[in-house]
Protein backbone atom coordinates (compact mmCIF):
# COMPACT_ATOMS: atom_id res chain seq x y z
CA UNK A 1 77.36 -232.50 12.97
CA UNK A 2 79.91 -231.79 10.24
CA UNK A 3 80.59 -234.58 7.76
CA UNK A 4 84.05 -236.04 7.24
CA UNK A 5 86.06 -234.40 4.47
CA UNK A 6 86.05 -236.12 1.11
CA UNK A 7 89.20 -237.49 -0.46
CA UNK A 8 90.04 -235.89 -3.80
CA UNK A 9 91.47 -238.55 -6.12
CA UNK A 10 92.10 -236.61 -9.36
CA UNK A 11 92.99 -233.14 -10.62
CA UNK A 12 89.72 -233.12 -12.51
CA UNK A 13 87.80 -233.66 -9.26
CA UNK A 14 89.69 -230.84 -7.55
CA UNK A 15 89.16 -228.55 -10.57
CA UNK A 16 85.43 -229.29 -10.40
CA UNK A 17 85.42 -228.34 -6.72
CA UNK A 18 87.09 -225.01 -7.59
CA UNK A 19 84.44 -224.39 -10.22
CA UNK A 20 81.73 -224.86 -7.59
CA UNK A 21 83.20 -222.94 -4.64
CA UNK A 22 85.32 -219.88 -3.94
CA UNK A 23 87.35 -219.10 -0.84
CA UNK A 24 89.23 -222.38 -0.82
CA UNK A 25 92.84 -222.77 0.28
CA UNK A 26 95.44 -225.54 0.22
CA UNK A 27 97.38 -226.38 3.37
CA UNK A 28 100.11 -228.93 4.11
CA UNK A 29 100.12 -230.66 7.48
CA UNK A 30 99.65 -233.96 9.31
CA UNK A 31 96.39 -233.19 11.12
CA UNK A 32 93.70 -231.10 9.44
CA UNK A 33 91.28 -231.51 12.37
CA UNK A 34 93.99 -230.53 14.85
CA UNK A 35 94.95 -227.54 12.74
CA UNK A 36 91.35 -226.42 12.62
CA UNK A 37 90.96 -226.79 16.38
CA UNK A 38 94.26 -225.00 17.10
CA UNK A 39 93.64 -222.29 14.49
CA UNK A 40 97.17 -220.94 14.20
CA UNK A 41 100.59 -221.58 12.72
CA UNK A 42 104.01 -220.73 14.10
CA UNK A 43 106.90 -219.06 12.30
CA UNK A 44 109.79 -221.54 12.51
CA UNK A 45 112.45 -218.81 12.30
CA UNK A 46 111.22 -216.61 15.17
CA UNK A 47 108.75 -218.84 17.00
CA UNK A 48 106.05 -216.19 16.65
CA UNK A 49 102.52 -217.53 16.82
CA UNK A 50 100.58 -216.46 13.74
CA UNK A 51 96.88 -215.49 13.92
CA UNK A 52 95.75 -218.13 11.40
CA UNK A 53 96.83 -221.17 9.43
CA UNK A 54 99.44 -220.70 6.72
CA UNK A 55 97.74 -221.68 3.49
CA UNK A 56 97.68 -220.82 -0.19
CA UNK A 57 94.64 -219.69 -2.17
CA UNK A 58 93.10 -221.96 -4.75
CA UNK A 59 90.69 -219.45 -6.33
CA UNK A 60 91.47 -219.04 -10.02
CA UNK A 61 92.69 -215.52 -10.78
CA UNK A 62 91.14 -213.48 -13.61
CA UNK A 63 94.50 -213.20 -15.38
CA UNK A 64 94.46 -217.00 -15.87
CA UNK A 65 91.97 -216.39 -18.68
CA UNK A 66 90.65 -219.44 -20.49
CA UNK A 67 93.50 -221.74 -19.51
CA UNK A 68 92.44 -225.09 -18.03
CA UNK A 69 91.51 -225.03 -14.34
CA UNK A 70 93.10 -228.48 -14.10
CA UNK A 71 96.48 -226.88 -14.94
CA UNK A 72 95.86 -224.09 -12.39
CA UNK A 73 95.22 -226.70 -9.69
CA UNK A 74 98.29 -228.70 -10.73
CA UNK A 75 100.48 -225.63 -10.42
CA UNK A 76 99.05 -224.67 -7.03
CA UNK A 77 99.74 -228.16 -5.72
CA UNK A 78 103.17 -228.39 -7.31
CA UNK A 79 104.28 -224.97 -5.99
CA UNK A 80 104.48 -226.26 -2.43
CA UNK A 81 104.82 -230.01 -3.00
CA UNK A 82 108.23 -229.95 -1.29
CA UNK A 83 106.47 -229.40 2.04
CA UNK A 84 105.44 -233.08 2.12
CA UNK A 85 109.11 -234.03 2.15
CA UNK A 86 110.39 -231.16 4.30
CA UNK A 87 107.84 -231.57 7.10
CA UNK A 88 108.25 -235.32 7.37
CA UNK A 89 106.07 -238.44 7.32
CA UNK A 90 102.31 -238.08 7.34
CA UNK A 91 102.17 -234.58 5.86
CA UNK A 92 99.48 -234.23 3.22
CA UNK A 93 97.79 -231.53 1.22
CA UNK A 94 94.24 -230.68 2.21
CA UNK A 95 91.64 -228.18 1.14
CA UNK A 96 89.96 -225.82 3.56
CA UNK A 97 87.42 -223.06 3.34
CA UNK A 98 87.85 -220.00 5.45
CA UNK A 99 88.65 -216.34 5.54
CA UNK A 100 91.97 -214.58 5.40
CA UNK A 101 92.92 -212.95 8.73
CA UNK A 102 96.44 -211.76 7.93
CA UNK A 103 99.69 -212.45 6.11
CA UNK A 104 102.53 -214.68 7.21
CA UNK A 105 106.30 -214.13 7.03
CA UNK A 106 106.43 -215.37 3.42
CA UNK A 107 103.45 -213.13 2.55
CA UNK A 108 101.21 -216.20 2.47
CA UNK A 109 97.60 -215.86 3.58
CA UNK A 110 96.86 -216.73 7.18
CA UNK A 111 93.42 -218.30 7.25
CA UNK A 112 90.79 -218.94 9.90
CA UNK A 113 89.53 -222.40 8.92
CA UNK A 114 85.74 -222.76 8.73
CA UNK A 115 85.71 -226.23 7.19
CA UNK A 116 88.08 -229.03 6.25
CA UNK A 117 86.72 -229.65 2.74
CA UNK A 118 88.88 -232.42 1.32
CA UNK A 119 92.09 -234.39 1.68
CA UNK A 120 94.26 -234.56 -1.46
CA UNK A 121 95.25 -238.12 -2.31
CA UNK A 122 98.90 -238.81 -3.17
CA UNK A 123 97.82 -239.89 -6.67
CA UNK A 124 96.70 -236.30 -7.30
CA UNK A 125 100.14 -235.04 -6.35
CA UNK A 126 101.70 -237.41 -8.85
CA UNK A 127 99.23 -236.32 -11.54
CA UNK A 128 99.97 -232.65 -10.78
CA UNK A 129 103.72 -233.19 -11.09
CA UNK A 130 103.30 -234.99 -14.41
CA UNK A 131 101.06 -232.24 -15.82
CA UNK A 132 103.46 -229.50 -14.73
CA UNK A 133 106.42 -231.43 -16.16
CA UNK A 134 104.56 -231.82 -19.47
CA UNK A 135 104.45 -228.02 -19.88
CA UNK A 136 108.06 -228.09 -21.08
CA UNK A 137 109.62 -225.53 -18.75
CA UNK A 138 112.77 -227.08 -17.32
CA UNK A 139 113.45 -223.93 -15.25
CA UNK A 140 110.25 -224.17 -13.21
CA UNK A 141 109.69 -226.19 -10.05
CA UNK A 142 108.36 -226.07 -6.50
CA UNK A 143 108.89 -222.91 -4.46
CA UNK A 144 111.46 -224.66 -2.30
CA UNK A 145 113.18 -221.88 -0.39
CA UNK A 146 114.92 -224.32 1.96
CA UNK A 147 116.84 -226.09 -0.76
CA UNK A 148 117.72 -222.97 -2.74
CA UNK A 149 120.33 -221.88 -0.20
CA UNK A 150 120.37 -224.85 2.14
CA UNK A 151 119.83 -223.03 5.43
CA UNK A 152 116.14 -222.19 5.85
CA UNK A 153 113.19 -224.22 7.01
CA UNK A 154 109.64 -223.62 5.79
CA UNK A 155 108.05 -220.63 7.50
CA UNK A 156 105.17 -222.60 9.01
CA UNK A 157 106.17 -225.01 11.75
CA UNK A 158 102.64 -226.27 12.48
């Protein structure tokens, strides 16, 4: 029997998890267990069923060098933080382990979920936003395609 996913309550905790495991992804949805059972996403523009769950990798890239993993995690969370708002009430970030099975319409990894590892607490999202804001770049923010031109929805409907 698989244990319930933990709840990550700080960036430091999530950074520690990344230091211990590879092959982790972040996903935004209302129902991690339902996503895992269903196993696929849907492109909201075309309605096409995708062969895995739209997610974003959390593995630290070599080019990141000696920069803090905590900042890496903050950026990965902040990049898609708009999805909580765009997809409506109850949407949360969660961490999964799995393997990439393809690419989605926004070139995001499509992942077959092996395990729901952790749920990301809202306090972590706040901490991530504050850390990103403290970096001093006023021209940087979430990758919010929908609000850039006002007429697109996020690619993943599920």
